[in-house]
Amino acid sequence: MLTRRPLVPLPFALAVATLLLSGLAQAQGQTEARSRELEGRLLAPCCWVQTLDIHESELATSLRAEIRQRLERGEAAEAIEDDLATRHGERIRAVPRGKDPRKAVLIGTGIAMLLTLAGILLALRRWQRAAPASPPPEPQAEDAYDQRLDEELSRIQQL
């Protein structure tokens, strides 16, 4: 009986399957990250207090599911945000459109670090200039208290 060889060797088929699965997992991870970012920019319309990414209500859950589905279909995050703002009003935006406060925080932190470094360098320079090289202190003459202390110590040592 004649046995046929498979058209594709098994190691090659496994490698291709692994690549396809890893690509699918990476795409899901990107969709998840984009979804989380968008959910963090929108307030839950049921209470207007918490953002969608942390709020637990039926409406927030359904909006999170809708956002994920629309991102998986390839819709742009800006278009989804605009559509939700049209449906629920501009109040749904936790962050104004086109603004990202993370950039301002990063810039502010960088400026604060530079100013702190400059202040430290100025303080070090000032301390170096203010500390003159002083000669070693001269030995002082013994006074009555030193003599009395020496006498008491010698008496203690004799005991």
Protein backbone atom coordinates (compact mmCIF):
# COMPACT_ATOMS: atom_id res chain seq x y z
CA MET A 1 0.00 0.00 0.00
CA LEU A 2 1.25 3.41 -0.93
CA THR A 3 1.35 6.09 1.78
CA ARG A 4 1.08 9.69 0.86
CA ARG A 5 3.23 12.33 2.42
CA PRO A 6 1.40 15.35 3.74
CA LEU A 7 1.62 18.36 1.48
CA VAL A 8 2.88 20.58 4.31
CA PRO A 9 5.40 19.23 6.80
CA LEU A 10 4.14 19.24 10.37
CA PRO A 11 6.78 21.65 11.81
CA PHE A 12 6.00 24.20 9.10
CA ALA A 13 2.25 23.92 9.76
CA LEU A 14 2.82 24.36 13.50
CA ALA A 15 5.00 27.44 12.92
CA VAL A 16 2.36 29.05 10.69
CA ALA A 17 -0.40 28.27 13.21
CA THR A 18 1.70 29.76 16.01
CA LEU A 19 2.31 32.95 14.02
CA LEU A 20 -1.37 33.30 13.20
CA LEU A 21 -2.42 32.79 16.81
CA SER A 22 0.18 35.22 18.13
CA GLY A 23 -0.94 37.82 15.58
CA LEU A 24 -4.53 37.35 16.67
CA ALA A 25 -3.58 37.71 20.35
CA GLN A 26 -1.57 40.84 19.58
CA ALA A 27 -4.49 42.38 17.68
CA GLN A 28 -6.82 41.62 20.60
CA GLY A 29 -4.33 43.18 23.00
CA GLN A 30 -4.16 46.34 20.90
CA THR A 31 -7.95 46.51 20.71
CA GLU A 32 -8.12 46.06 24.48
CA ALA A 33 -5.59 48.85 25.06
CA ARG A 34 -7.38 51.24 22.67
CA SER A 35 -10.68 50.37 24.31
CA ARG A 36 -9.32 51.07 27.81
CA GLU A 37 -7.90 54.39 26.67
CA LEU A 38 -11.21 55.48 25.15
CA GLU A 39 -13.19 54.26 28.16
CA GLY A 40 -10.92 56.34 30.40
CA ARG A 41 -11.75 59.45 28.39
CA LEU A 42 -15.54 59.07 28.76
CA LEU A 43 -17.78 59.51 31.81
CA ALA A 44 -20.54 57.04 32.60
CA PRO A 45 -23.77 58.83 31.54
CA CYS A 46 -25.75 57.28 34.41
CA CYS A 47 -23.94 59.19 37.17
CA TRP A 48 -21.47 61.57 35.46
CA VAL A 49 -18.92 60.86 38.21
CA GLN A 50 -16.75 57.90 37.18
CA THR A 51 -15.24 57.07 33.83
CA LEU A 52 -16.48 54.07 31.85
CA ASP A 53 -13.34 52.03 32.54
CA ILE A 54 -14.04 51.84 36.30
CA HIS A 55 -17.80 52.39 36.63
CA GLU A 56 -20.02 49.37 37.26
CA SER A 57 -23.54 49.74 35.95
CA GLU A 58 -25.61 48.15 33.20
CA LEU A 59 -25.26 51.21 31.00
CA ALA A 60 -21.49 51.42 31.49
CA THR A 61 -21.11 47.69 30.77
CA SER A 62 -23.15 47.96 27.57
CA LEU A 63 -21.17 51.03 26.44
CA ARG A 64 -17.85 49.22 27.09
CA ALA A 65 -19.09 46.26 25.01
CA GLU A 66 -20.21 48.60 22.23
CA ILE A 67 -16.84 50.36 22.20
CA ARG A 68 -14.94 47.05 21.98
CA GLN A 69 -17.16 45.78 19.16
CA ARG A 70 -16.81 48.98 17.17
CA LEU A 71 -13.02 49.02 17.62
CA GLU A 72 -12.82 45.37 16.51
CA ARG A 73 -14.76 46.31 13.37
CA GLY A 74 -12.06 48.88 12.65
CA GLU A 75 -13.85 52.10 13.58
CA ALA A 76 -11.66 54.97 14.70
CA ALA A 77 -11.68 55.79 18.42
CA GLU A 78 -12.34 59.47 17.64
CA ALA A 79 -15.43 58.57 15.62
CA ILE A 80 -16.77 56.40 18.43
CA GLU A 81 -16.12 59.17 20.96
CA ASP A 82 -17.86 61.73 18.74
CA ASP A 83 -20.86 59.42 18.25
CA LEU A 84 -21.23 58.84 21.99
CA ALA A 85 -20.93 62.61 22.59
CA THR A 86 -23.69 63.18 20.05
CA ARG A 87 -25.95 60.60 21.72
CA HIS A 88 -25.28 61.54 25.36
CA GLY A 89 -24.07 65.15 25.11
CA GLU A 90 -20.64 66.74 25.43
CA ARG A 91 -20.76 66.15 29.16
CA ILE A 92 -19.76 62.52 28.51
CA ARG A 93 -16.22 63.64 27.72
CA ALA A 94 -14.05 63.43 30.84
CA VAL A 95 -11.23 65.02 28.85
CA PRO A 96 -11.89 67.75 26.27
CA ARG A 97 -11.58 66.62 22.66
CA GLY A 98 -8.05 66.75 21.34
CA LYS A 99 -6.50 67.32 24.76
CA ASP A 100 -4.39 64.79 26.59
CA PRO A 101 -3.56 65.81 30.18
CA ARG A 102 -0.82 63.17 30.36
CA LYS A 103 1.37 65.33 28.14
CA ALA A 104 0.95 68.34 30.42
CA VAL A 105 1.78 66.22 33.46
CA LEU A 106 4.90 64.89 31.74
CA ILE A 107 6.05 68.38 30.73
CA GLY A 108 5.31 69.79 34.20
CA THR A 109 7.23 66.98 35.88
CA GLY A 110 10.20 67.51 33.57
CA ILE A 111 10.27 71.23 34.28
CA ALA A 112 10.00 70.62 38.03
CA MET A 113 12.92 68.18 37.88
CA LEU A 114 15.08 70.65 35.96
CA LEU A 115 14.29 73.46 38.41
CA THR A 116 15.09 71.18 41.35
CA LEU A 117 18.41 70.21 39.78
CA ALA A 118 19.26 73.87 39.17
CA GLY A 119 18.40 74.72 42.80
CA ILE A 120 20.60 71.92 44.11
CA LEU A 121 23.52 73.03 41.95
CA LEU A 122 23.14 76.65 43.09
CA ALA A 123 23.00 75.58 46.75
CA LEU A 124 26.13 73.44 46.35
CA ARG A 125 27.99 76.30 44.68
CA ARG A 126 26.94 78.70 47.43
CA TRP A 127 28.03 76.28 50.17
CA GLN A 128 31.43 75.81 48.54
CA ARG A 129 31.99 79.56 48.37
CA ALA A 130 30.72 80.22 51.92
CA ALA A 131 32.94 77.63 53.61
CA PRO A 132 36.39 79.27 53.95
CA ALA A 133 39.34 77.07 54.67
CA SER A 134 39.73 77.56 58.40
CA PRO A 135 42.99 76.78 60.17
CA PRO A 136 42.91 73.98 62.72
CA PRO A 137 41.88 75.17 66.19
CA GLU A 138 44.66 76.05 68.58
CA PRO A 139 44.89 74.07 71.77
CA GLN A 140 43.37 75.97 74.64
CA ALA A 141 44.95 76.42 77.99
CA GLU A 142 43.62 74.19 80.71
CA ASP A 143 41.30 75.81 83.15
CA ALA A 144 40.21 74.92 86.67
CA TYR A 145 37.44 72.60 85.47
CA ASP A 146 39.86 70.54 83.37
CA GLN A 147 42.19 70.14 86.34
CA ARG A 148 39.35 69.09 88.64
CA LEU A 149 38.09 66.57 86.06
CA ASP A 150 41.57 65.10 85.67
CA GLU A 151 41.91 64.74 89.45
CA GLU A 152 38.54 62.97 89.76
CA LEU A 153 39.34 60.60 86.92
CA SER A 154 42.68 59.67 88.43
CA ARG A 155 40.98 58.96 91.82
CA ILE A 156 38.42 56.71 90.08
CA GLN A 157 41.17 54.81 88.29
CA GLN A 158 42.99 54.17 91.58
CA LEU A 159 39.97 52.49 93.10
